[in-house]
Amino acid sequence: SDLVGPFFDNSRVGGSPGFTVDPNTLTNPAGPTIQVGLPNGQDQNIPFVVTRPDRLSMIPTQQNSNGLAQDLFNGTAFGSTILASNPALALAGTFLDDVQVDFLLEATQADRRSVTLTAPRLTFTNGAAATISVLTERAFVSDLNIITGTGGIGFEPQIGRVSSGFVMMLDGVVSADRRYVTMEVQAQLSEILELVTFAGASQAVASGTGGSVGGGVVQGDIQQPILQTTDIRTGVTVPDQGTLLLGGQRLARESEIETGVPVLSKVPILNRFFTNRIEDREESTLLILLKPTILIQSEEEEKNFPGLMDNLENRFGAGF
């Protein structure tokens, strides 16, 4: 039976302004209007807009909590990549009757773990100092110098460099019993988060006794690096071949967004059809471990060249 046609026909009875529904058009702001009464007789026409109309439904209803949750999400780059990709599971269906019902279910779960290990080694004599650095340099446009000429203007970029990586400076003294090492340690770990770009512009103006004339506008970009740096400086005494935890840093970020239809999203069981939830968790742990090892020259020679000292003493004498 046609339940929709009589409804549209009755809307035009008695000269009342009617409206039309086009199933192929999402919105129609320039379509028919409905006249409403305002105070002081200031009546006016208000556009009648139907969101996602349907021929089989008198009162079309649509919930967009999924799209709203994704628009509100401002999490990590990994989470944004997951949302931009196709879901791991998608289930859709349509029930056609006097009332049409559409549903769409999407679900994705992803996990990423990575471990970065930097293990530099330093060997130095007792009481001396040593430095080691493992860095990656990145060039960027730090400034722009204006160059003018006859009938023209331009920019000369100034290139700057920024380093990211690991730097460690230390000095140590071995105790008299050769069991402990007293050290002064300074460690720095830096990471480039991003390069922010700023746009700059300049315009050449020619002037004389007869007036001035503006030339074209020349644009250029300037970059500013954003660094995350961790500095540690301390003095410690560590036993031979003992391990010291200089500093530990744990960064945790958690984002959870839930959107839903009012009232229906609070009803148990039923709320799963009218609610969308996005969860994003990110953890970063930084550990700096220091392990001193005392190297005694005679012991190392015997370990790497067994019997060498005995042969030399037998050949050149005990005082060698």
C-alpha atoms as a PDB file:
ATOM      1  CA  SER A   1       0.000   0.000   0.000  1.00  0.00           C
ATOM      2  CA  ASP A   2       1.117   3.553  -0.707  1.00  0.00           C
ATOM      3  CA  LEU A   3       1.371   5.292   2.669  1.00  0.00           C
ATOM      4  CA  VAL A   4       3.551   8.156   1.511  1.00  0.00           C
ATOM      5  CA  GLY A   5       1.528   9.529  -1.420  1.00  0.00           C
ATOM      6  CA  PRO A   6      -1.608  10.540   0.560  1.00  0.00           C
ATOM      7  CA  PHE A   7       0.572  12.299   3.099  1.00  0.00           C
ATOM      8  CA  PHE A   8       2.123  14.510   0.418  1.00  0.00           C
ATOM      9  CA  ASP A   9      -1.262  15.118  -1.240  1.00  0.00           C
ATOM     10  CA  ASN A  10      -2.888  16.243   2.022  1.00  0.00           C
ATOM     11  CA  SER A  11      -0.080  18.692   2.643  1.00  0.00           C
ATOM     12  CA  ARG A  12      -1.337  20.826  -0.239  1.00  0.00           C
ATOM     13  CA  VAL A  13      -5.044  20.816   0.672  1.00  0.00           C
ATOM     14  CA  GLY A  14      -6.577  24.190   1.481  1.00  0.00           C
ATOM     15  CA  GLY A  15      -3.855  26.236  -0.158  1.00  0.00           C
ATOM     16  CA  SER A  16      -1.261  25.337   2.461  1.00  0.00           C
ATOM     17  CA  PRO A  17       2.304  25.511   1.147  1.00  0.00           C
ATOM     18  CA  GLY A  18       3.604  22.031   0.458  1.00  0.00           C
ATOM     19  CA  PHE A  19       7.011  20.488   0.054  1.00  0.00           C
ATOM     20  CA  THR A  20       8.619  17.870  -2.131  1.00  0.00           C
ATOM     21  CA  VAL A  21      11.130  15.162  -1.343  1.00  0.00           C
ATOM     22  CA  ASP A  22      13.822  14.156  -3.807  1.00  0.00           C
ATOM     23  CA  PRO A  23      15.523  10.877  -2.822  1.00  0.00           C
ATOM     24  CA  ASN A  24      18.573  11.752  -4.908  1.00  0.00           C
ATOM     25  CA  THR A  25      19.259  15.041  -3.120  1.00  0.00           C
ATOM     26  CA  LEU A  26      20.648  15.170   0.411  1.00  0.00           C
ATOM     27  CA  THR A  27      19.570  18.744   1.157  1.00  0.00           C
ATOM     28  CA  ASN A  28      17.558  21.330  -0.707  1.00  0.00           C
ATOM     29  CA  PRO A  29      17.989  24.734   0.965  1.00  0.00           C
ATOM     30  CA  ALA A  30      16.430  26.530  -2.018  1.00  0.00           C
ATOM     31  CA  GLY A  31      13.345  24.324  -2.032  1.00  0.00           C
ATOM     32  CA  PRO A  32       9.817  24.933  -0.714  1.00  0.00           C
ATOM     33  CA  THR A  33       9.237  26.995   2.407  1.00  0.00           C
ATOM     34  CA  ILE A  34       6.813  26.925   5.337  1.00  0.00           C
ATOM     35  CA  GLN A  35       5.275  30.130   6.634  1.00  0.00           C
ATOM     36  CA  VAL A  36       5.457  30.674  10.386  1.00  0.00           C
ATOM     37  CA  GLY A  37       3.914  33.392  12.500  1.00  0.00           C
ATOM     38  CA  LEU A  38       6.173  35.791  14.384  1.00  0.00           C
ATOM     39  CA  PRO A  39       5.297  38.566  16.876  1.00  0.00           C
ATOM     40  CA  ASN A  40       3.909  41.853  15.551  1.00  0.00           C
ATOM     41  CA  GLY A  41       2.742  40.144  12.405  1.00  0.00           C
ATOM     42  CA  GLN A  42       6.266  39.805  11.009  1.00  0.00           C
ATOM     43  CA  ASP A  43       5.582  36.533   9.241  1.00  0.00           C
ATOM     44  CA  GLN A  44       8.278  35.070   7.038  1.00  0.00           C
ATOM     45  CA  ASN A  45       9.037  31.935   5.067  1.00  0.00           C
ATOM     46  CA  ILE A  46      11.575  29.444   6.496  1.00  0.00           C
ATOM     47  CA  PRO A  47      13.122  26.843   4.162  1.00  0.00           C
ATOM     48  CA  PHE A  48      11.966  23.292   4.849  1.00  0.00           C
ATOM     49  CA  VAL A  49      14.983  20.978   4.563  1.00  0.00           C
ATOM     50  CA  VAL A  50      14.856  17.185   4.880  1.00  0.00           C
ATOM     51  CA  THR A  51      18.157  15.463   5.654  1.00  0.00           C
ATOM     52  CA  ARG A  52      18.670  12.312   3.596  1.00  0.00           C
ATOM     53  CA  PRO A  53      15.028  11.926   2.491  1.00  0.00           C
ATOM     54  CA  ASP A  54      13.627   8.522   1.659  1.00  0.00           C
ATOM     55  CA  ARG A  55      10.595   7.577  -0.432  1.00  0.00           C
ATOM     56  CA  LEU A  56       9.611   4.827   1.997  1.00  0.00           C
ATOM     57  CA  SER A  57       9.658   6.905   5.172  1.00  0.00           C
ATOM     58  CA  MET A  58       7.363   9.771   6.141  1.00  0.00           C
ATOM     59  CA  ILE A  59       9.794  11.018   8.808  1.00  0.00           C
ATOM     60  CA  PRO A  60      13.380  10.328   7.736  1.00  0.00           C
ATOM     61  CA  THR A  61      15.779   9.935  10.685  1.00  0.00           C
ATOM     62  CA  GLN A  62      19.547   9.694  10.556  1.00  0.00           C
ATOM     63  CA  GLN A  63      22.176   9.409  13.292  1.00  0.00           C
ATOM     64  CA  ASN A  64      25.772  10.404  12.530  1.00  0.00           C
ATOM     65  CA  SER A  65      27.581   9.642  15.771  1.00  0.00           C
ATOM     66  CA  ASN A  66      30.303   7.745  13.894  1.00  0.00           C
ATOM     67  CA  GLY A  67      31.262  10.679  11.697  1.00  0.00           C
ATOM     68  CA  LEU A  68      31.020  13.077  14.632  1.00  0.00           C
ATOM     69  CA  ALA A  69      33.368  10.945  16.743  1.00  0.00           C
ATOM     70  CA  GLN A  70      35.965  10.858  13.954  1.00  0.00           C
ATOM     71  CA  ASP A  71      35.744  14.634  13.485  1.00  0.00           C
ATOM     72  CA  LEU A  72      36.302  15.218  17.218  1.00  0.00           C
ATOM     73  CA  PHE A  73      39.233  12.797  17.399  1.00  0.00           C
ATOM     74  CA  ASN A  74      42.600  14.512  17.889  1.00  0.00           C
ATOM     75  CA  GLY A  75      44.897  11.688  18.919  1.00  0.00           C
ATOM     76  CA  THR A  76      48.196  10.307  17.698  1.00  0.00           C
ATOM     77  CA  ALA A  77      49.293  10.039  14.083  1.00  0.00           C
ATOM     78  CA  PHE A  78      48.976   6.254  14.318  1.00  0.00           C
ATOM     79  CA  GLY A  79      45.336   6.529  15.409  1.00  0.00           C
ATOM     80  CA  SER A  80      44.542   9.035  12.666  1.00  0.00           C
ATOM     81  CA  THR A  81      46.019   6.653  10.093  1.00  0.00           C
ATOM     82  CA  ILE A  82      43.788   3.829  11.338  1.00  0.00           C
ATOM     83  CA  LEU A  83      40.668   5.999  11.062  1.00  0.00           C
ATOM     84  CA  ALA A  84      41.605   7.093   7.538  1.00  0.00           C
ATOM     85  CA  SER A  85      41.950   3.479   6.376  1.00  0.00           C
ATOM     86  CA  ASN A  86      39.222   0.951   5.705  1.00  0.00           C
ATOM     87  CA  PRO A  87      37.904  -0.657   8.910  1.00  0.00           C
ATOM     88  CA  ALA A  88      38.978  -4.161   9.871  1.00  0.00           C
ATOM     89  CA  LEU A  89      35.327  -5.220  10.130  1.00  0.00           C
ATOM     90  CA  ALA A  90      32.348  -3.557   8.471  1.00  0.00           C
ATOM     91  CA  LEU A  91      28.790  -4.830   8.603  1.00  0.00           C
ATOM     92  CA  ALA A  92      25.897  -3.087   6.893  1.00  0.00           C
ATOM     93  CA  GLY A  93      22.282  -3.963   6.271  1.00  0.00           C
ATOM     94  CA  THR A  94      18.932  -2.565   5.159  1.00  0.00           C
ATOM     95  CA  PHE A  95      15.385  -3.573   6.120  1.00  0.00           C
ATOM     96  CA  LEU A  96      12.745  -2.491   3.586  1.00  0.00           C
ATOM     97  CA  ASP A  97       9.139  -2.272   4.685  1.00  0.00           C
ATOM     98  CA  ASP A  98       6.686   0.527   5.402  1.00  0.00           C
ATOM     99  CA  VAL A  99       9.607   1.789   7.523  1.00  0.00           C
ATOM    100  CA  GLN A 100      13.150   1.597   6.157  1.00  0.00           C
ATOM    101  CA  VAL A 101      16.023   0.930   8.575  1.00  0.00           C
ATOM    102  CA  ASP A 102      19.706   1.136   7.618  1.00  0.00           C
ATOM    103  CA  PHE A 103      22.572   0.173   9.901  1.00  0.00           C
ATOM    104  CA  LEU A 104      26.353   0.214   9.648  1.00  0.00           C
ATOM    105  CA  LEU A 105      28.806  -1.302  12.121  1.00  0.00           C
ATOM    106  CA  GLU A 106      32.564  -0.678  11.918  1.00  0.00           C
ATOM    107  CA  ALA A 107      35.274  -1.980  14.248  1.00  0.00           C
ATOM    108  CA  THR A 108      39.055  -1.751  14.131  1.00  0.00           C
ATOM    109  CA  GLN A 109      41.690  -2.702  16.697  1.00  0.00           C
ATOM    110  CA  ALA A 110      45.393  -2.082  16.078  1.00  0.00           C
ATOM    111  CA  ASP A 111      48.543  -2.311  18.172  1.00  0.00           C
ATOM    112  CA  ARG A 112      52.065  -1.110  17.389  1.00  0.00           C
ATOM    113  CA  ARG A 113      55.167  -1.604  19.518  1.00  0.00           C
ATOM    114  CA  SER A 114      58.712  -0.555  18.730  1.00  0.00           C
ATOM    115  CA  VAL A 115      61.994  -0.633  20.648  1.00  0.00           C
ATOM    116  CA  THR A 116      64.909   1.677  19.834  1.00  0.00           C
ATOM    117  CA  LEU A 117      68.272   0.778  21.371  1.00  0.00           C
ATOM    118  CA  THR A 118      71.369   2.971  21.382  1.00  0.00           C
ATOM    119  CA  ALA A 119      74.371   1.248  22.981  1.00  0.00           C
ATOM    120  CA  PRO A 120      77.516   3.411  22.680  1.00  0.00           C
ATOM    121  CA  ARG A 121      80.772   2.326  24.363  1.00  0.00           C
ATOM    122  CA  LEU A 122      83.613   4.469  25.679  1.00  0.00           C
ATOM    123  CA  THR A 123      87.074   3.412  26.818  1.00  0.00           C
ATOM    124  CA  PHE A 124      89.319   5.935  28.604  1.00  0.00           C
ATOM    125  CA  THR A 125      92.169   5.944  31.094  1.00  0.00           C
ATOM    126  CA  ASN A 126      91.742   6.433  34.821  1.00  0.00           C
ATOM    127  CA  GLY A 127      90.976  10.070  35.691  1.00  0.00           C
ATOM    128  CA  ALA A 128      90.436  11.198  32.084  1.00  0.00           C
ATOM    129  CA  ALA A 129      87.269  12.483  30.386  1.00  0.00           C
ATOM    130  CA  ALA A 130      85.513  11.219  27.266  1.00  0.00           C
ATOM    131  CA  THR A 131      82.652  12.258  24.992  1.00  0.00           C
ATOM    132  CA  ILE A 132      80.542  10.304  22.517  1.00  0.00           C
ATOM    133  CA  SER A 133      77.755  11.541  20.249  1.00  0.00           C
ATOM    134  CA  VAL A 134      75.456   9.710  17.859  1.00  0.00           C
ATOM    135  CA  LEU A 135      73.601  12.433  15.965  1.00  0.00           C
ATOM    136  CA  THR A 136      71.515  12.938  12.849  1.00  0.00           C
ATOM    137  CA  GLU A 137      71.638  16.392  11.270  1.00  0.00           C
ATOM    138  CA  ARG A 138      68.719  17.884   9.408  1.00  0.00           C
ATOM    139  CA  ALA A 139      68.869  21.031   7.304  1.00  0.00           C
ATOM    140  CA  PHE A 140      66.098  23.637   7.277  1.00  0.00           C
ATOM    141  CA  VAL A 141      65.480  27.177   6.009  1.00  0.00           C
ATOM    142  CA  SER A 142      66.237  29.370   9.025  1.00  0.00           C
ATOM    143  CA  ASP A 143      66.070  32.815   7.382  1.00  0.00           C
ATOM    144  CA  LEU A 144      65.553  34.650   4.091  1.00  0.00           C
ATOM    145  CA  ASN A 145      67.768  37.455   2.804  1.00  0.00           C
ATOM    146  CA  ILE A 146      66.121  39.894   0.414  1.00  0.00           C
ATOM    147  CA  ILE A 147      67.937  40.384  -2.892  1.00  0.00           C
ATOM    148  CA  THR A 148      66.909  43.338  -5.037  1.00  0.00           C
ATOM    149  CA  GLY A 149      67.828  44.130  -8.599  1.00  0.00           C
ATOM    150  CA  THR A 150      66.680  46.103 -11.580  1.00  0.00           C
ATOM    151  CA  GLY A 151      63.006  45.352 -11.957  1.00  0.00           C
ATOM    152  CA  GLY A 152      63.065  42.342  -9.679  1.00  0.00           C
ATOM    153  CA  ILE A 153      63.267  41.065  -6.141  1.00  0.00           C
ATOM    154  CA  GLY A 154      64.001  37.688  -4.629  1.00  0.00           C
ATOM    155  CA  PHE A 155      65.042  35.740  -1.545  1.00  0.00           C
ATOM    156  CA  GLU A 156      68.283  33.996  -0.692  1.00  0.00           C
ATOM    157  CA  PRO A 157      67.580  31.229   1.836  1.00  0.00           C
ATOM    158  CA  GLN A 158      69.822  30.809   4.860  1.00  0.00           C
ATOM    159  CA  ILE A 159      70.268  27.143   5.717  1.00  0.00           C
ATOM    160  CA  GLY A 160      70.432  26.100   9.346  1.00  0.00           C
ATOM    161  CA  ARG A 161      71.118  22.687  10.815  1.00  0.00           C
ATOM    162  CA  VAL A 162      69.618  20.975  13.810  1.00  0.00           C
ATOM    163  CA  SER A 163      70.875  17.755  15.372  1.00  0.00           C
ATOM    164  CA  SER A 164      68.942  14.962  17.018  1.00  0.00           C
ATOM    165  CA  GLY A 165      70.320  11.928  18.771  1.00  0.00           C
ATOM    166  CA  PHE A 166      72.397  11.002  21.807  1.00  0.00           C
ATOM    167  CA  VAL A 167      75.351  12.820  23.451  1.00  0.00           C
ATOM    168  CA  MET A 168      77.185  11.586  26.560  1.00  0.00           C
ATOM    169  CA  MET A 169      80.128  13.157  28.400  1.00  0.00           C
ATOM    170  CA  LEU A 170      81.727  11.518  31.419  1.00  0.00           C
ATOM    171  CA  ASP A 171      84.907  11.206  33.468  1.00  0.00           C
ATOM    172  CA  GLY A 172      85.742   8.512  36.001  1.00  0.00           C
ATOM    173  CA  VAL A 173      88.178   7.583  38.736  1.00  0.00           C
ATOM    174  CA  VAL A 174      88.809   4.004  39.885  1.00  0.00           C
ATOM    175  CA  SER A 175      89.068   3.359  43.622  1.00  0.00           C
ATOM    176  CA  ALA A 176      92.331   2.114  45.153  1.00  0.00           C
ATOM    177  CA  ASP A 177      90.975  -1.398  45.645  1.00  0.00           C
ATOM    178  CA  ARG A 178      89.813  -1.483  41.988  1.00  0.00           C
ATOM    179  CA  ARG A 179      86.265  -2.341  42.953  1.00  0.00           C
ATOM    180  CA  TYR A 180      84.361   0.924  42.385  1.00  0.00           C
ATOM    181  CA  VAL A 181      84.235   3.702  39.805  1.00  0.00           C
ATOM    182  CA  THR A 182      83.272   7.276  40.690  1.00  0.00           C
ATOM    183  CA  MET A 183      81.926   9.119  37.645  1.00  0.00           C
ATOM    184  CA  GLU A 184      80.609  12.511  36.615  1.00  0.00           C
ATOM    185  CA  VAL A 185      78.015  11.838  33.917  1.00  0.00           C
ATOM    186  CA  GLN A 186      76.164  14.189  31.592  1.00  0.00           C
ATOM    187  CA  ALA A 187      73.779  12.698  29.012  1.00  0.00           C
ATOM    188  CA  GLN A 188      71.468  14.388  26.520  1.00  0.00           C
ATOM    189  CA  LEU A 189      68.860  12.837  24.236  1.00  0.00           C
ATOM    190  CA  SER A 190      67.111  15.035  21.663  1.00  0.00           C
ATOM    191  CA  GLU A 191      64.441  14.331  19.058  1.00  0.00           C
ATOM    192  CA  ILE A 192      62.972  16.505  16.290  1.00  0.00           C
ATOM    193  CA  LEU A 193      59.205  16.480  16.652  1.00  0.00           C
ATOM    194  CA  GLU A 194      58.355  18.574  13.594  1.00  0.00           C
ATOM    195  CA  LEU A 195      59.362  21.510  11.411  1.00  0.00           C
ATOM    196  CA  VAL A 196      56.852  24.363  11.541  1.00  0.00           C
ATOM    197  CA  THR A 197      56.698  26.394   8.322  1.00  0.00           C
ATOM    198  CA  PHE A 198      55.982  30.132   8.285  1.00  0.00           C
ATOM    199  CA  ALA A 199      55.227  32.020   5.078  1.00  0.00           C
ATOM    200  CA  GLY A 200      56.963  35.329   4.400  1.00  0.00           C
ATOM    201  CA  ALA A 201      56.369  37.845   1.625  1.00  0.00           C
ATOM    202  CA  SER A 202      58.065  40.941   0.252  1.00  0.00           C
ATOM    203  CA  GLN A 203      57.104  43.510  -2.373  1.00  0.00           C
ATOM    204  CA  ALA A 204      59.316  45.733  -4.505  1.00  0.00           C
ATOM    205  CA  VAL A 205      58.269  49.385  -4.844  1.00  0.00           C
ATOM    206  CA  ALA A 206      59.789  51.721  -7.443  1.00  0.00           C
ATOM    207  CA  SER A 207      59.661  55.412  -6.497  1.00  0.00           C
ATOM    208  CA  GLY A 208      60.761  58.658  -8.102  1.00  0.00           C
ATOM    209  CA  THR A 209      59.815  62.286  -8.520  1.00  0.00           C
ATOM    210  CA  GLY A 210      56.676  61.315 -10.346  1.00  0.00           C
ATOM    211  CA  GLY A 211      55.422  58.945  -7.645  1.00  0.00           C
ATOM    212  CA  SER A 212      55.838  55.283  -6.770  1.00  0.00           C
ATOM    213  CA  VAL A 213      54.713  52.060  -8.377  1.00  0.00           C
ATOM    214  CA  GLY A 214      54.298  48.759  -6.534  1.00  0.00           C
ATOM    215  CA  GLY A 215      55.770  45.623  -8.005  1.00  0.00           C
ATOM    216  CA  GLY A 216      54.945  41.972  -7.629  1.00  0.00           C
ATOM    217  CA  VAL A 217      54.893  40.125  -4.324  1.00  0.00           C
ATOM    218  CA  VAL A 218      57.531  37.456  -3.711  1.00  0.00           C
ATOM    219  CA  GLN A 219      56.794  34.769  -1.138  1.00  0.00           C
ATOM    220  CA  GLY A 220      59.097  32.443   0.751  1.00  0.00           C
ATOM    221  CA  ASP A 221      58.922  29.955   3.617  1.00  0.00           C
ATOM    222  CA  ILE A 222      60.848  29.946   6.900  1.00  0.00           C
ATOM    223  CA  GLN A 223      61.051  26.808   9.020  1.00  0.00           C
ATOM    224  CA  GLN A 224      61.310  26.489  12.776  1.00  0.00           C
ATOM    225  CA  PRO A 225      62.224  23.121  14.338  1.00  0.00           C
ATOM    226  CA  ILE A 226      60.517  21.853  17.483  1.00  0.00           C
ATOM    227  CA  LEU A 227      62.839  19.731  19.631  1.00  0.00           C
ATOM    228  CA  GLN A 228      62.208  17.464  22.590  1.00  0.00           C
ATOM    229  CA  THR A 229      65.315  17.237  24.783  1.00  0.00           C
ATOM    230  CA  THR A 230      66.090  15.144  27.868  1.00  0.00           C
ATOM    231  CA  ASP A 231      69.152  16.193  29.929  1.00  0.00           C
ATOM    232  CA  ILE A 232      70.688  14.246  32.802  1.00  0.00           C
ATOM    233  CA  ARG A 233      73.708  15.322  34.863  1.00  0.00           C
ATOM    234  CA  THR A 234      74.820  13.556  38.025  1.00  0.00           C
ATOM    235  CA  GLY A 235      77.754  12.155  39.982  1.00  0.00           C
ATOM    236  CA  VAL A 236      77.650   8.485  41.004  1.00  0.00           C
ATOM    237  CA  THR A 237      79.770   5.659  42.387  1.00  0.00           C
ATOM    238  CA  VAL A 238      79.133   2.285  40.792  1.00  0.00           C
ATOM    239  CA  PRO A 239      80.752  -1.106  41.490  1.00  0.00           C
ATOM    240  CA  ASP A 240      82.765  -2.768  38.753  1.00  0.00           C
ATOM    241  CA  GLN A 241      80.421  -4.211  36.077  1.00  0.00           C
ATOM    242  CA  GLY A 242      77.397  -2.937  37.968  1.00  0.00           C
ATOM    243  CA  THR A 243      74.449  -1.365  36.131  1.00  0.00           C
ATOM    244  CA  LEU A 244      73.128   2.095  37.010  1.00  0.00           C
ATOM    245  CA  LEU A 245      69.762   3.495  35.922  1.00  0.00           C
ATOM    246  CA  LEU A 246      70.545   7.158  35.298  1.00  0.00           C
ATOM    247  CA  GLY A 247      67.034   8.275  34.495  1.00  0.00           C
ATOM    248  CA  GLY A 248      63.721   6.872  33.422  1.00  0.00           C
ATOM    249  CA  GLN A 249      60.972   8.802  31.686  1.00  0.00           C
ATOM    250  CA  ARG A 250      57.539   7.498  30.859  1.00  0.00           C
ATOM    251  CA  LEU A 251      55.118   9.471  28.736  1.00  0.00           C
ATOM    252  CA  ALA A 252      51.538   8.251  28.479  1.00  0.00           C
ATOM    253  CA  ARG A 253      48.763   9.729  26.384  1.00  0.00           C
ATOM    254  CA  GLU A 254      45.201   8.495  26.374  1.00  0.00           C
ATOM    255  CA  SER A 255      42.293   9.814  24.338  1.00  0.00           C
ATOM    256  CA  GLU A 256      38.720   8.551  24.431  1.00  0.00           C
ATOM    257  CA  ILE A 257      35.789   9.996  22.503  1.00  0.00           C
ATOM    258  CA  GLU A 258      32.222   8.774  22.715  1.00  0.00           C
ATOM    259  CA  THR A 259      29.298  10.194  20.771  1.00  0.00           C
ATOM    260  CA  GLY A 260      25.728   9.034  20.583  1.00  0.00           C
ATOM    261  CA  VAL A 261      22.097   9.897  20.172  1.00  0.00           C
ATOM    262  CA  PRO A 262      20.569  11.567  23.248  1.00  0.00           C
ATOM    263  CA  VAL A 263      18.454   9.273  25.454  1.00  0.00           C
ATOM    264  CA  LEU A 264      18.945   6.246  23.169  1.00  0.00           C
ATOM    265  CA  SER A 265      22.680   6.143  23.914  1.00  0.00           C
ATOM    266  CA  LYS A 266      21.892   5.696  27.639  1.00  0.00           C
ATOM    267  CA  VAL A 267      19.604   2.689  27.287  1.00  0.00           C
ATOM    268  CA  PRO A 268      21.411  -0.597  28.098  1.00  0.00           C
ATOM    269  CA  ILE A 269      21.985  -2.972  25.167  1.00  0.00           C
ATOM    270  CA  LEU A 270      20.136  -0.627  22.807  1.00  0.00           C
ATOM    271  CA  ASN A 271      22.847   1.991  23.209  1.00  0.00           C
ATOM    272  CA  ARG A 272      25.273  -0.102  21.132  1.00  0.00           C
ATOM    273  CA  PHE A 273      23.226   0.763  18.024  1.00  0.00           C
ATOM    274  CA  PHE A 274      23.307   4.510  18.718  1.00  0.00           C
ATOM    275  CA  THR A 275      26.792   5.014  20.190  1.00  0.00           C
ATOM    276  CA  ASN A 276      30.268   5.261  18.688  1.00  0.00           C
ATOM    277  CA  ARG A 277      33.472   5.156  20.719  1.00  0.00           C
ATOM    278  CA  ILE A 278      37.103   5.815  19.764  1.00  0.00           C
ATOM    279  CA  GLU A 279      39.966   4.965  22.146  1.00  0.00           C
ATOM    280  CA  ASP A 280      43.614   5.816  21.554  1.00  0.00           C
ATOM    281  CA  ARG A 281      46.515   5.053  23.927  1.00  0.00           C
ATOM    282  CA  GLU A 282      50.189   5.815  23.431  1.00  0.00           C
ATOM    283  CA  GLU A 283      53.066   5.120  25.826  1.00  0.00           C
ATOM    284  CA  SER A 284      56.727   6.024  25.493  1.00  0.00           C
ATOM    285  CA  THR A 285      59.412   4.877  27.941  1.00  0.00           C
ATOM    286  CA  LEU A 286      62.988   6.162  28.011  1.00  0.00           C
ATOM    287  CA  LEU A 287      65.696   4.348  30.009  1.00  0.00           C
ATOM    288  CA  ILE A 288      69.367   5.340  30.233  1.00  0.00           C
ATOM    289  CA  LEU A 289      71.561   2.574  31.662  1.00  0.00           C
ATOM    290  CA  LEU A 290      75.248   2.915  32.511  1.00  0.00           C
ATOM    291  CA  LYS A 291      77.575  -0.040  33.138  1.00  0.00           C
ATOM    292  CA  PRO A 292      81.246   0.657  34.010  1.00  0.00           C
ATOM    293  CA  THR A 293      83.872  -2.038  33.561  1.00  0.00           C
ATOM    294  CA  ILE A 294      87.376  -1.698  35.016  1.00  0.00           C
ATOM    295  CA  LEU A 295      90.071  -2.863  32.579  1.00  0.00           C
ATOM    296  CA  ILE A 296      93.428  -3.773  34.132  1.00  0.00           C
ATOM    297  CA  GLN A 297      96.156  -3.860  31.520  1.00  0.00           C
ATOM    298  CA  SER A 298      97.966  -6.971  32.757  1.00  0.00           C
ATOM    299  CA  GLU A 299      94.728  -8.919  33.043  1.00  0.00           C
ATOM    300  CA  GLU A 300      93.575  -7.896  29.565  1.00  0.00           C
ATOM    301  CA  GLU A 301      96.921  -8.866  28.050  1.00  0.00           C
ATOM    302  CA  GLU A 302      96.775 -12.274  29.693  1.00  0.00           C
ATOM    303  CA  LYS A 303      93.197 -12.747  28.523  1.00  0.00           C
ATOM    304  CA  ASN A 304      93.892 -11.843  24.899  1.00  0.00           C
ATOM    305  CA  PHE A 305      97.450 -13.229  24.665  1.00  0.00           C
ATOM    306  CA  PRO A 306      97.736 -16.127  27.124  1.00  0.00           C
ATOM    307  CA  GLY A 307     101.327 -17.067  28.006  1.00  0.00           C
ATOM    308  CA  LEU A 308     102.849 -13.972  26.382  1.00  0.00           C
ATOM    309  CA  MET A 309     104.321 -12.547  29.595  1.00  0.00           C
ATOM    310  CA  ASP A 310     105.815 -15.910  30.563  1.00  0.00           C
ATOM    311  CA  ASN A 311     107.530 -16.224  27.201  1.00  0.00           C
ATOM    312  CA  LEU A 312     108.912 -12.695  27.424  1.00  0.00           C
ATOM    313  CA  GLU A 313     110.202 -13.261  30.956  1.00  0.00           C
ATOM    314  CA  ASN A 314     111.867 -16.508  29.948  1.00  0.00           C
ATOM    315  CA  ARG A 315     113.510 -14.838  26.995  1.00  0.00           C
ATOM    316  CA  PHE A 316     114.501 -11.453  28.388  1.00  0.00           C
ATOM    317  CA  GLY A 317     114.580 -12.128  32.100  1.00  0.00           C
ATOM    318  CA  ALA A 318     112.312 -11.693  35.094  1.00  0.00           C
ATOM    319  CA  GLY A 319     112.698  -7.921  35.158  1.00  0.00           C
ATOM    320  CA  PHE A 320     111.130  -7.433  31.767  1.00  0.00           C
END
